[in-house]
Amino acid sequence: MRILALVIFISLASAASAGRLMPEKHYQKLYAEQVGGQVEVTAPDGTRCDILTENLAIEADFAGKWAEAIGQSLNYGFQFNKKAGILLIMEHKEDERHYIRLGSLIRHYGLEIELIPLRVYMQ
């Protein structure tokens, strides 16, 4: 029974990621190269910051995972004593709604998070 559940889970996870234009790591590397940052840097608590620059500790995530990105970015900022950042990857025009929602929450609650949009869809 557990094996069947695992097979179903892996199948669903593969199907979900199949809709991506590129994997998250591709966008992490691309942005890190543009800003002179390091990728996958291990923090003192053992977590791995997606992109670390001179001033920012950045969580890179697809737009649909905007809520998770808030907590991760704040933790990375704390761990590295840098400002938190979120690189929000938008592969589809519909992803703009997540960018708007996330930006609104950051402003409303006065969160010290730099929101960086990465639009990779065709306009």
C-alpha atoms as a PDB file:
ATOM      1  CA  MET A   1       0.000   0.000   0.000  1.00  0.00           C
ATOM      2  CA  ARG A   2       2.780   2.442   0.902  1.00  0.00           C
ATOM      3  CA  ILE A   3       4.618   1.656  -2.311  1.00  0.00           C
ATOM      4  CA  LEU A   4       1.509   2.396  -4.350  1.00  0.00           C
ATOM      5  CA  ALA A   5       1.072   5.732  -2.550  1.00  0.00           C
ATOM      6  CA  LEU A   6       4.734   6.586  -3.209  1.00  0.00           C
ATOM      7  CA  VAL A   7       4.401   5.741  -6.913  1.00  0.00           C
ATOM      8  CA  ILE A   8       1.280   7.915  -7.190  1.00  0.00           C
ATOM      9  CA  PHE A   9       3.011  10.784  -5.363  1.00  0.00           C
ATOM     10  CA  ILE A  10       6.069  10.623  -7.628  1.00  0.00           C
ATOM     11  CA  SER A  11       3.849  10.503 -10.721  1.00  0.00           C
ATOM     12  CA  LEU A  12       1.886  13.553  -9.615  1.00  0.00           C
ATOM     13  CA  ALA A  13       5.052  15.468  -8.736  1.00  0.00           C
ATOM     14  CA  SER A  14       6.552  14.668 -12.143  1.00  0.00           C
ATOM     15  CA  ALA A  15       3.391  15.755 -13.925  1.00  0.00           C
ATOM     16  CA  ALA A  16       3.306  19.030 -11.989  1.00  0.00           C
ATOM     17  CA  SER A  17       6.894  19.903 -12.821  1.00  0.00           C
ATOM     18  CA  ALA A  18       6.426  18.858 -16.454  1.00  0.00           C
ATOM     19  CA  GLY A  19       4.435  22.054 -17.060  1.00  0.00           C
ATOM     20  CA  ARG A  20       7.474  24.230 -16.327  1.00  0.00           C
ATOM     21  CA  LEU A  21       9.406  25.866 -19.136  1.00  0.00           C
ATOM     22  CA  MET A  22      12.665  25.360 -17.229  1.00  0.00           C
ATOM     23  CA  PRO A  23      13.544  24.020 -13.768  1.00  0.00           C
ATOM     24  CA  GLU A  24      13.911  26.442 -10.858  1.00  0.00           C
ATOM     25  CA  LYS A  25      17.682  25.875 -10.708  1.00  0.00           C
ATOM     26  CA  HIS A  26      18.010  27.233 -14.255  1.00  0.00           C
ATOM     27  CA  TYR A  27      16.475  30.552 -13.215  1.00  0.00           C
ATOM     28  CA  GLN A  28      18.508  30.656  -9.980  1.00  0.00           C
ATOM     29  CA  LYS A  29      21.750  30.283 -11.893  1.00  0.00           C
ATOM     30  CA  LEU A  30      20.703  32.769 -14.582  1.00  0.00           C
ATOM     31  CA  TYR A  31      19.821  35.487 -12.057  1.00  0.00           C
ATOM     32  CA  ALA A  32      22.838  34.799  -9.837  1.00  0.00           C
ATOM     33  CA  GLU A  33      25.129  35.257 -12.839  1.00  0.00           C
ATOM     34  CA  GLN A  34      23.443  38.584 -13.675  1.00  0.00           C
ATOM     35  CA  VAL A  35      23.948  39.993 -10.168  1.00  0.00           C
ATOM     36  CA  GLY A  36      27.213  38.300  -9.217  1.00  0.00           C
ATOM     37  CA  GLY A  37      25.623  36.077  -6.584  1.00  0.00           C
ATOM     38  CA  GLN A  38      26.335  32.590  -5.322  1.00  0.00           C
ATOM     39  CA  VAL A  39      23.789  29.760  -5.592  1.00  0.00           C
ATOM     40  CA  GLU A  40      22.803  27.186  -2.976  1.00  0.00           C
ATOM     41  CA  VAL A  41      24.784  28.611  -0.051  1.00  0.00           C
ATOM     42  CA  THR A  42      24.407  26.685   3.205  1.00  0.00           C
ATOM     43  CA  ALA A  43      23.221  28.815   6.127  1.00  0.00           C
ATOM     44  CA  PRO A  44      24.258  28.302   9.770  1.00  0.00           C
ATOM     45  CA  ASP A  45      20.958  26.464  10.427  1.00  0.00           C
ATOM     46  CA  GLY A  46      21.616  23.996   7.605  1.00  0.00           C
ATOM     47  CA  THR A  47      19.104  25.438   5.126  1.00  0.00           C
ATOM     48  CA  ARG A  48      20.310  26.385   1.660  1.00  0.00           C
ATOM     49  CA  CYS A  49      19.818  29.916   0.402  1.00  0.00           C
ATOM     50  CA  ASP A  50      19.013  29.911  -3.322  1.00  0.00           C
ATOM     51  CA  ILE A  51      21.012  33.051  -4.166  1.00  0.00           C
ATOM     52  CA  LEU A  52      23.314  35.037  -1.919  1.00  0.00           C
ATOM     53  CA  THR A  53      24.588  38.452  -2.998  1.00  0.00           C
ATOM     54  CA  GLU A  54      26.530  41.141  -1.189  1.00  0.00           C
ATOM     55  CA  ASN A  55      23.298  42.656   0.172  1.00  0.00           C
ATOM     56  CA  LEU A  56      20.541  40.082  -0.312  1.00  0.00           C
ATOM     57  CA  ALA A  57      19.660  36.538   0.727  1.00  0.00           C
ATOM     58  CA  ILE A  58      17.215  35.461  -1.982  1.00  0.00           C
ATOM     59  CA  GLU A  59      14.628  32.703  -2.180  1.00  0.00           C
ATOM     60  CA  ALA A  60      13.835  31.873  -5.817  1.00  0.00           C
ATOM     61  CA  ASP A  61      10.434  30.332  -6.410  1.00  0.00           C
ATOM     62  CA  PHE A  62       7.762  29.936  -9.032  1.00  0.00           C
ATOM     63  CA  ALA A  63       4.886  32.387  -8.676  1.00  0.00           C
ATOM     64  CA  GLY A  64       2.423  29.801  -7.367  1.00  0.00           C
ATOM     65  CA  LYS A  65       4.680  29.207  -4.358  1.00  0.00           C
ATOM     66  CA  TRP A  66       4.691  32.877  -3.316  1.00  0.00           C
ATOM     67  CA  ALA A  67       3.445  32.156   0.225  1.00  0.00           C
ATOM     68  CA  GLU A  68       6.241  29.695   0.991  1.00  0.00           C
ATOM     69  CA  ALA A  69       8.792  32.153  -0.368  1.00  0.00           C
ATOM     70  CA  ILE A  70       7.972  34.708   2.346  1.00  0.00           C
ATOM     71  CA  GLY A  71       9.091  32.523   5.243  1.00  0.00           C
ATOM     72  CA  GLN A  72      12.100  31.115   3.454  1.00  0.00           C
ATOM     73  CA  SER A  73      13.380  34.531   2.391  1.00  0.00           C
ATOM     74  CA  LEU A  74      12.994  35.955   5.890  1.00  0.00           C
ATOM     75  CA  ASN A  75      14.888  32.994   7.355  1.00  0.00           C
ATOM     76  CA  TYR A  76      17.723  33.360   4.837  1.00  0.00           C
ATOM     77  CA  GLY A  77      17.967  37.073   5.556  1.00  0.00           C
ATOM     78  CA  PHE A  78      18.170  36.333   9.278  1.00  0.00           C
ATOM     79  CA  GLN A  79      20.694  33.523   8.863  1.00  0.00           C
ATOM     80  CA  PHE A  80      23.055  35.604   6.713  1.00  0.00           C
ATOM     81  CA  ASN A  81      22.323  38.979   8.334  1.00  0.00           C
ATOM     82  CA  LYS A  82      21.253  40.423   4.978  1.00  0.00           C
ATOM     83  CA  LYS A  83      18.050  41.838   3.568  1.00  0.00           C
ATOM     84  CA  ALA A  84      15.609  39.133   2.470  1.00  0.00           C
ATOM     85  CA  GLY A  85      14.738  38.852  -1.205  1.00  0.00           C
ATOM     86  CA  ILE A  86      12.298  36.872  -3.302  1.00  0.00           C
ATOM     87  CA  LEU A  87      12.980  36.151  -6.954  1.00  0.00           C
ATOM     88  CA  LEU A  88       9.466  35.429  -8.207  1.00  0.00           C
ATOM     89  CA  ILE A  89       9.590  33.351 -11.381  1.00  0.00           C
ATOM     90  CA  MET A  90       6.650  34.043 -13.675  1.00  0.00           C
ATOM     91  CA  GLU A  91       6.410  31.708 -16.658  1.00  0.00           C
ATOM     92  CA  HIS A  92       2.845  32.659 -17.608  1.00  0.00           C
ATOM     93  CA  LYS A  93       1.055  35.996 -17.850  1.00  0.00           C
ATOM     94  CA  GLU A  94      -1.497  34.695 -15.314  1.00  0.00           C
ATOM     95  CA  ASP A  95       1.326  34.533 -12.734  1.00  0.00           C
ATOM     96  CA  GLU A  96       1.192  38.327 -12.452  1.00  0.00           C
ATOM     97  CA  ARG A  97      -1.674  37.937  -9.945  1.00  0.00           C
ATOM     98  CA  HIS A  98       0.726  36.235  -7.531  1.00  0.00           C
ATOM     99  CA  TYR A  99       3.254  39.041  -7.970  1.00  0.00           C
ATOM    100  CA  ILE A 100       0.586  41.639  -7.185  1.00  0.00           C
ATOM    101  CA  ARG A 101      -0.656  39.698  -4.147  1.00  0.00           C
ATOM    102  CA  LEU A 102       2.850  39.177  -2.780  1.00  0.00           C
ATOM    103  CA  GLY A 103       3.857  42.802  -3.307  1.00  0.00           C
ATOM    104  CA  SER A 104       0.669  43.978  -1.598  1.00  0.00           C
ATOM    105  CA  LEU A 105       1.331  41.803   1.449  1.00  0.00           C
ATOM    106  CA  ILE A 106       4.956  42.926   1.693  1.00  0.00           C
ATOM    107  CA  ARG A 107       3.876  46.586   1.631  1.00  0.00           C
ATOM    108  CA  HIS A 108       0.864  46.132   3.925  1.00  0.00           C
ATOM    109  CA  TYR A 109       2.848  44.416   6.665  1.00  0.00           C
ATOM    110  CA  GLY A 110       6.006  46.450   6.139  1.00  0.00           C
ATOM    111  CA  LEU A 111       8.091  43.335   5.507  1.00  0.00           C
ATOM    112  CA  GLU A 112      11.718  43.990   4.722  1.00  0.00           C
ATOM    113  CA  ILE A 113      11.708  41.824   1.616  1.00  0.00           C
ATOM    114  CA  GLU A 114      12.926  42.936  -1.795  1.00  0.00           C
ATOM    115  CA  LEU A 115      10.583  41.489  -4.423  1.00  0.00           C
ATOM    116  CA  ILE A 116      12.334  40.758  -7.713  1.00  0.00           C
ATOM    117  CA  PRO A 117      10.111  39.810 -10.659  1.00  0.00           C
ATOM    118  CA  LEU A 118      11.525  37.413 -13.236  1.00  0.00           C
ATOM    119  CA  ARG A 119       9.137  37.397 -16.186  1.00  0.00           C
ATOM    120  CA  VAL A 120      10.035  34.694 -18.678  1.00  0.00           C
ATOM    121  CA  TYR A 121       6.752  34.467 -20.587  1.00  0.00           C
ATOM    122  CA  MET A 122       6.148  35.943 -24.012  1.00  0.00           C
ATOM    123  CA  GLN A 123       4.204  39.219 -23.801  1.00  0.00           C
END
